[in-house]
Amino acid sequence: MSQTDNLNYREIITKAVCGKGRKFTQASHTVSPSHKPTSILGCWIINHRYEAAKKGDTVEVQGSYDINCWYSHQNNTKTEVATETVTYTDVVPLQVKDDNILSDDVQVMAKAIQQPNTLEATISPNGSSVVVQVEREFLTEVIGETKIHVAVHPDGTIAELDPSMFEEDVTDEEFEDLDPNFMMGDTEE
C-alpha cells in the first residue's frame, strides 16, 4: 500500500480568483472647441473614473474622462483649451474562468494597466473640431467562493507526492504579468 492510499481528502471552501481578463482599446473622440482651430498645441486626459461589474462571461468596465485640447485660433494669434467629457464601456472577455463558483455573490476588480492617454490629436477635415485618438487597457479579475480539495495525512505528516502533480505551464500573458520586484517589496501601486 502506497503512502498516498492512506491520505484523506478535505473539501475547503475559499475565496479565489475565478476569472481573469485583459483588454486593450483604441478609441476616437471628437472635441468641439468654441473657435475654429488653426493648430493643435497639446492634448491630455485627466479625471479618469471607472467601475466594473460582471456580465455573464465578461466584465463590463464603464468609465469617463476629460479630454483637454489646447489649440490656437485666429491664425495662431490666440489660444484656448477646449474640454470634453467622454464616457465609454469596455467589455472585457474572461479568458480564464472557473465555472465552479459556489454563488453569484462575486467581487469584481478592474485595474487600468494603461491609463487613457492621447495618441494623436488632429484638426478634423471640416476644420471646426479636433479628432483625438486615445488608448487604454484594463486587467480584470472575478473573485468568488470556490471549493478546493486538500490531501490530509492521517498521522499529520506531510505525504510525499509526485512533484509533477504540481507542474503547470505558464502562458506568455501570465509571464508578462509577473512583478519582478514582488519578493523585494518594491512594488508600485
C-alpha atoms as a PDB file:
ATOM      1  CA  MET A   1       0.000   0.000   0.000  1.00  0.00           C
ATOM      2  CA  SER A   2       1.480   3.358  -1.020  1.00  0.00           C
ATOM      3  CA  GLN A   3       1.602   6.368   1.252  1.00  0.00           C
ATOM      4  CA  THR A   4      -0.971   8.237  -0.850  1.00  0.00           C
ATOM      5  CA  ASP A   5      -3.532   5.452  -0.205  1.00  0.00           C
ATOM      6  CA  ASN A   6      -3.555   6.499   3.477  1.00  0.00           C
ATOM      7  CA  LEU A   7      -4.491  10.082   2.644  1.00  0.00           C
ATOM      8  CA  ASN A   8      -7.816  11.638   3.466  1.00  0.00           C
ATOM      9  CA  TYR A   9      -9.145  14.485   1.392  1.00  0.00           C
ATOM     10  CA  ARG A  10     -10.906  17.544   2.696  1.00  0.00           C
ATOM     11  CA  GLU A  11     -13.022  19.995   0.785  1.00  0.00           C
ATOM     12  CA  ILE A  12     -12.275  23.580   1.684  1.00  0.00           C
ATOM     13  CA  ILE A  13     -14.452  26.485   0.631  1.00  0.00           C
ATOM     14  CA  THR A  14     -12.355  29.580  -0.025  1.00  0.00           C
ATOM     15  CA  LYS A  15     -12.329  32.820  -1.961  1.00  0.00           C
ATOM     16  CA  ALA A  16     -10.186  32.642  -5.066  1.00  0.00           C
ATOM     17  CA  VAL A  17      -9.689  34.325  -8.418  1.00  0.00           C
ATOM     18  CA  CYS A  18     -12.299  32.563 -10.542  1.00  0.00           C
ATOM     19  CA  GLY A  19     -11.949  34.652 -13.689  1.00  0.00           C
ATOM     20  CA  LYS A  20      -9.384  36.869 -15.423  1.00  0.00           C
ATOM     21  CA  GLY A  21      -9.477  39.050 -18.489  1.00  0.00           C
ATOM     22  CA  ARG A  22      -7.480  41.733 -20.253  1.00  0.00           C
ATOM     23  CA  LYS A  23      -8.443  44.195 -22.969  1.00  0.00           C
ATOM     24  CA  PHE A  24      -6.593  46.897 -24.900  1.00  0.00           C
ATOM     25  CA  THR A  25      -8.775  49.538 -26.578  1.00  0.00           C
ATOM     26  CA  GLN A  26      -8.130  52.357 -29.013  1.00  0.00           C
ATOM     27  CA  ALA A  27     -10.910  54.897 -29.427  1.00  0.00           C
ATOM     28  CA  SER A  28     -11.550  58.085 -31.354  1.00  0.00           C
ATOM     29  CA  HIS A  29     -13.317  61.098 -29.791  1.00  0.00           C
ATOM     30  CA  THR A  30     -14.317  64.472 -31.198  1.00  0.00           C
ATOM     31  CA  VAL A  31     -13.723  67.661 -29.236  1.00  0.00           C
ATOM     32  CA  SER A  32     -15.705  70.719 -30.339  1.00  0.00           C
ATOM     33  CA  PRO A  33     -13.841  73.931 -29.473  1.00  0.00           C
ATOM     34  CA  SER A  34     -15.629  77.283 -29.318  1.00  0.00           C
ATOM     35  CA  HIS A  35     -13.437  78.696 -32.148  1.00  0.00           C
ATOM     36  CA  LYS A  36     -12.204  77.199 -35.411  1.00  0.00           C
ATOM     37  CA  PRO A  37      -8.742  75.777 -34.558  1.00  0.00           C
ATOM     38  CA  THR A  38      -5.657  76.847 -36.504  1.00  0.00           C
ATOM     39  CA  SER A  39      -3.295  74.336 -34.873  1.00  0.00           C
ATOM     40  CA  ILE A  40      -3.203  71.835 -32.010  1.00  0.00           C
ATOM     41  CA  LEU A  41      -0.740  72.793 -29.266  1.00  0.00           C
ATOM     42  CA  GLY A  42      -1.345  69.887 -26.902  1.00  0.00           C
ATOM     43  CA  CYS A  43      -3.885  67.327 -25.754  1.00  0.00           C
ATOM     44  CA  TRP A  44      -4.095  65.485 -22.451  1.00  0.00           C
ATOM     45  CA  ILE A  45      -6.551  63.365 -20.486  1.00  0.00           C
ATOM     46  CA  ILE A  46      -7.458  63.877 -16.819  1.00  0.00           C
ATOM     47  CA  ASN A  47     -10.084  62.828 -14.252  1.00  0.00           C
ATOM     48  CA  HIS A  48     -10.327  59.174 -15.282  1.00  0.00           C
ATOM     49  CA  ARG A  49     -13.009  57.324 -13.294  1.00  0.00           C
ATOM     50  CA  TYR A  50     -14.381  53.819 -13.821  1.00  0.00           C
ATOM     51  CA  GLU A  51     -16.217  50.915 -12.207  1.00  0.00           C
ATOM     52  CA  ALA A  52     -16.635  47.293 -13.213  1.00  0.00           C
ATOM     53  CA  ALA A  53     -19.349  44.637 -12.985  1.00  0.00           C
ATOM     54  CA  LYS A  54     -19.593  41.006 -14.103  1.00  0.00           C
ATOM     55  CA  LYS A  55     -21.990  40.430 -17.008  1.00  0.00           C
ATOM     56  CA  GLY A  56     -22.186  36.750 -17.972  1.00  0.00           C
ATOM     57  CA  ASP A  57     -18.744  35.584 -19.155  1.00  0.00           C
ATOM     58  CA  THR A  58     -17.419  39.152 -19.353  1.00  0.00           C
ATOM     59  CA  VAL A  59     -16.577  42.099 -17.126  1.00  0.00           C
ATOM     60  CA  GLU A  60     -18.082  45.401 -18.189  1.00  0.00           C
ATOM     61  CA  VAL A  61     -15.950  48.447 -17.351  1.00  0.00           C
ATOM     62  CA  GLN A  62     -17.837  51.745 -17.512  1.00  0.00           C
ATOM     63  CA  GLY A  63     -15.927  54.966 -17.149  1.00  0.00           C
ATOM     64  CA  SER A  64     -15.347  58.559 -18.119  1.00  0.00           C
ATOM     65  CA  TYR A  65     -12.509  61.041 -18.536  1.00  0.00           C
ATOM     66  CA  ASP A  66     -11.952  64.634 -19.562  1.00  0.00           C
ATOM     67  CA  ILE A  67     -10.083  65.433 -22.765  1.00  0.00           C
ATOM     68  CA  ASN A  68      -8.352  68.831 -22.682  1.00  0.00           C
ATOM     69  CA  CYS A  69      -7.229  70.136 -26.050  1.00  0.00           C
ATOM     70  CA  TRP A  70      -5.031  73.228 -26.149  1.00  0.00           C
ATOM     71  CA  TYR A  71      -5.329  74.888 -29.541  1.00  0.00           C
ATOM     72  CA  SER A  72      -4.625  78.154 -31.330  1.00  0.00           C
ATOM     73  CA  HIS A  73      -7.193  80.074 -33.372  1.00  0.00           C
ATOM     74  CA  GLN A  74      -7.474  83.288 -35.401  1.00  0.00           C
ATOM     75  CA  ASN A  75      -4.345  82.433 -37.449  1.00  0.00           C
ATOM     76  CA  ASN A  76      -2.250  81.447 -34.404  1.00  0.00           C
ATOM     77  CA  THR A  77      -2.833  84.753 -32.579  1.00  0.00           C
ATOM     78  CA  LYS A  78      -4.893  83.390 -29.628  1.00  0.00           C
ATOM     79  CA  THR A  79      -5.057  80.153 -27.663  1.00  0.00           C
ATOM     80  CA  GLU A  80      -7.700  78.328 -25.655  1.00  0.00           C
ATOM     81  CA  VAL A  81      -8.298  74.969 -24.016  1.00  0.00           C
ATOM     82  CA  ALA A  82     -11.386  73.023 -25.063  1.00  0.00           C
ATOM     83  CA  THR A  83     -12.602  70.389 -22.601  1.00  0.00           C
ATOM     84  CA  GLU A  84     -14.878  67.482 -23.442  1.00  0.00           C
ATOM     85  CA  THR A  85     -16.021  64.775 -21.003  1.00  0.00           C
ATOM     86  CA  VAL A  86     -16.419  61.391 -22.693  1.00  0.00           C
ATOM     87  CA  THR A  87     -17.894  58.152 -21.412  1.00  0.00           C
ATOM     88  CA  TYR A  88     -17.055  54.617 -22.527  1.00  0.00           C
ATOM     89  CA  THR A  89     -17.943  50.986 -21.920  1.00  0.00           C
ATOM     90  CA  ASP A  90     -15.278  48.311 -22.401  1.00  0.00           C
ATOM     91  CA  VAL A  91     -16.483  44.694 -22.407  1.00  0.00           C
ATOM     92  CA  VAL A  92     -13.586  42.523 -21.214  1.00  0.00           C
ATOM     93  CA  PRO A  93     -13.968  38.803 -22.016  1.00  0.00           C
ATOM     94  CA  LEU A  94     -12.826  36.414 -19.299  1.00  0.00           C
ATOM     95  CA  GLN A  95     -10.057  34.290 -20.833  1.00  0.00           C
ATOM     96  CA  VAL A  96      -9.608  32.318 -17.596  1.00  0.00           C
ATOM     97  CA  LYS A  97     -12.784  31.288 -15.815  1.00  0.00           C
ATOM     98  CA  ASP A  98     -13.811  28.748 -13.201  1.00  0.00           C
ATOM     99  CA  ASP A  99     -17.368  27.552 -13.719  1.00  0.00           C
ATOM    100  CA  ASN A 100     -17.462  26.091 -10.178  1.00  0.00           C
ATOM    101  CA  ILE A 101     -18.187  29.362  -8.379  1.00  0.00           C
ATOM    102  CA  LEU A 102     -20.466  28.494  -5.453  1.00  0.00           C
ATOM    103  CA  SER A 103     -22.609  31.645  -5.540  1.00  0.00           C
ATOM    104  CA  ASP A 104     -23.373  34.655  -7.694  1.00  0.00           C
ATOM    105  CA  ASP A 105     -22.002  36.906  -4.939  1.00  0.00           C
ATOM    106  CA  VAL A 106     -18.652  37.773  -6.553  1.00  0.00           C
ATOM    107  CA  GLN A 107     -16.221  40.641  -6.227  1.00  0.00           C
ATOM    108  CA  VAL A 108     -15.064  42.250  -9.464  1.00  0.00           C
ATOM    109  CA  MET A 109     -11.766  44.092  -9.663  1.00  0.00           C
ATOM    110  CA  ALA A 110     -10.542  46.162 -12.595  1.00  0.00           C
ATOM    111  CA  LYS A 111      -7.160  47.831 -12.888  1.00  0.00           C
ATOM    112  CA  ALA A 112      -6.220  50.291 -15.608  1.00  0.00           C
ATOM    113  CA  ILE A 113      -2.793  48.954 -16.569  1.00  0.00           C
ATOM    114  CA  GLN A 114      -2.700  51.623 -19.293  1.00  0.00           C
ATOM    115  CA  GLN A 115      -4.459  54.814 -18.214  1.00  0.00           C
ATOM    116  CA  PRO A 116      -6.242  56.592 -21.070  1.00  0.00           C
ATOM    117  CA  ASN A 117      -3.727  58.681 -22.970  1.00  0.00           C
ATOM    118  CA  THR A 118      -3.680  60.646 -26.207  1.00  0.00           C
ATOM    119  CA  LEU A 119      -2.017  59.025 -29.210  1.00  0.00           C
ATOM    120  CA  GLU A 120      -2.779  61.828 -31.668  1.00  0.00           C
ATOM    121  CA  ALA A 121      -4.926  64.952 -31.924  1.00  0.00           C
ATOM    122  CA  THR A 122      -5.701  66.392 -35.371  1.00  0.00           C
ATOM    123  CA  ILE A 123      -7.994  69.030 -36.797  1.00  0.00           C
ATOM    124  CA  SER A 124     -10.978  67.346 -38.470  1.00  0.00           C
ATOM    125  CA  PRO A 125     -11.380  67.554 -42.272  1.00  0.00           C
ATOM    126  CA  ASN A 126     -14.178  70.120 -41.891  1.00  0.00           C
ATOM    127  CA  GLY A 127     -11.775  72.279 -39.819  1.00  0.00           C
ATOM    128  CA  SER A 128     -14.153  73.036 -36.948  1.00  0.00           C
ATOM    129  CA  SER A 129     -13.395  70.229 -34.464  1.00  0.00           C
ATOM    130  CA  VAL A 130     -10.497  68.132 -33.161  1.00  0.00           C
ATOM    131  CA  VAL A 131     -10.308  64.347 -33.525  1.00  0.00           C
ATOM    132  CA  VAL A 132      -8.469  62.706 -30.613  1.00  0.00           C
ATOM    133  CA  GLN A 133      -7.120  59.133 -30.757  1.00  0.00           C
ATOM    134  CA  VAL A 134      -6.981  57.533 -27.285  1.00  0.00           C
ATOM    135  CA  GLU A 135      -5.695  54.207 -25.951  1.00  0.00           C
ATOM    136  CA  ARG A 136      -6.424  52.407 -22.657  1.00  0.00           C
ATOM    137  CA  GLU A 137      -6.016  48.887 -21.245  1.00  0.00           C
ATOM    138  CA  PHE A 138      -7.677  47.014 -18.378  1.00  0.00           C
ATOM    139  CA  LEU A 139      -6.902  43.884 -16.395  1.00  0.00           C
ATOM    140  CA  THR A 140      -9.946  42.389 -14.654  1.00  0.00           C
ATOM    141  CA  GLU A 141     -10.432  39.694 -12.025  1.00  0.00           C
ATOM    142  CA  VAL A 142     -13.527  37.994 -10.656  1.00  0.00           C
ATOM    143  CA  ILE A 143     -13.166  36.742  -7.084  1.00  0.00           C
ATOM    144  CA  GLY A 144     -15.696  34.262  -5.752  1.00  0.00           C
ATOM    145  CA  GLU A 145     -16.176  31.334  -3.422  1.00  0.00           C
ATOM    146  CA  THR A 146     -14.987  28.022  -4.792  1.00  0.00           C
ATOM    147  CA  LYS A 147     -14.205  24.571  -3.436  1.00  0.00           C
ATOM    148  CA  ILE A 148     -10.727  23.064  -3.324  1.00  0.00           C
ATOM    149  CA  HIS A 149      -9.659  19.556  -2.325  1.00  0.00           C
ATOM    150  CA  VAL A 150      -6.717  19.145   0.046  1.00  0.00           C
ATOM    151  CA  ALA A 151      -4.897  15.927   0.892  1.00  0.00           C
ATOM    152  CA  VAL A 152      -4.588  15.298   4.648  1.00  0.00           C
ATOM    153  CA  HIS A 153      -2.342  12.547   6.010  1.00  0.00           C
ATOM    154  CA  PRO A 154      -3.918  10.651   8.949  1.00  0.00           C
ATOM    155  CA  ASP A 155      -0.908  10.964  11.292  1.00  0.00           C
ATOM    156  CA  GLY A 156      -0.286  14.630  10.438  1.00  0.00           C
ATOM    157  CA  THR A 157       2.881  14.126   8.423  1.00  0.00           C
ATOM    158  CA  ILE A 158       3.380  15.590   5.012  1.00  0.00           C
ATOM    159  CA  ALA A 159       2.857  12.977   2.346  1.00  0.00           C
ATOM    160  CA  GLU A 160       5.446  12.562  -0.366  1.00  0.00           C
ATOM    161  CA  LEU A 161       3.631  13.465  -3.542  1.00  0.00           C
ATOM    162  CA  ASP A 162       4.834  13.314  -7.088  1.00  0.00           C
ATOM    163  CA  PRO A 163       6.176  16.839  -7.900  1.00  0.00           C
ATOM    164  CA  SER A 164       4.835  16.546 -11.471  1.00  0.00           C
ATOM    165  CA  MET A 165       1.313  16.832  -9.993  1.00  0.00           C
ATOM    166  CA  PHE A 166       2.045  20.498  -9.301  1.00  0.00           C
ATOM    167  CA  GLU A 167       3.742  21.493 -12.541  1.00  0.00           C
ATOM    168  CA  GLU A 168       1.873  23.990 -14.655  1.00  0.00           C
ATOM    169  CA  ASP A 169       2.692  25.594 -17.941  1.00  0.00           C
ATOM    170  CA  VAL A 170       2.851  29.389 -17.659  1.00  0.00           C
ATOM    171  CA  THR A 171       1.374  31.269 -20.606  1.00  0.00           C
ATOM    172  CA  ASP A 172       3.182  34.240 -22.151  1.00  0.00           C
ATOM    173  CA  GLU A 173       0.421  36.534 -20.875  1.00  0.00           C
ATOM    174  CA  GLU A 174       0.796  35.258 -17.287  1.00  0.00           C
ATOM    175  CA  PHE A 175       4.579  35.594 -17.553  1.00  0.00           C
ATOM    176  CA  GLU A 176       4.228  39.259 -18.629  1.00  0.00           C
ATOM    177  CA  ASP A 177       2.032  39.917 -15.565  1.00  0.00           C
ATOM    178  CA  LEU A 178       4.758  38.771 -13.141  1.00  0.00           C
ATOM    179  CA  ASP A 179       6.137  41.535 -10.935  1.00  0.00           C
ATOM    180  CA  PRO A 180       9.950  41.172 -10.746  1.00  0.00           C
ATOM    181  CA  ASN A 181      10.010  43.281  -7.553  1.00  0.00           C
ATOM    182  CA  PHE A 182       7.403  41.192  -5.722  1.00  0.00           C
ATOM    183  CA  MET A 183       9.879  39.465  -3.393  1.00  0.00           C
ATOM    184  CA  MET A 184      11.803  42.696  -2.850  1.00  0.00           C
ATOM    185  CA  GLY A 185       8.777  44.621  -1.553  1.00  0.00           C
ATOM    186  CA  ASP A 186       9.342  47.410  -4.095  1.00  0.00           C
ATOM    187  CA  THR A 187       6.008  47.198  -5.891  1.00  0.00           C
ATOM    188  CA  GLU A 188       4.299  50.321  -7.148  1.00  0.00           C
ATOM    189  CA  GLU A 189       0.534  50.716  -6.904  1.00  0.00           C
END
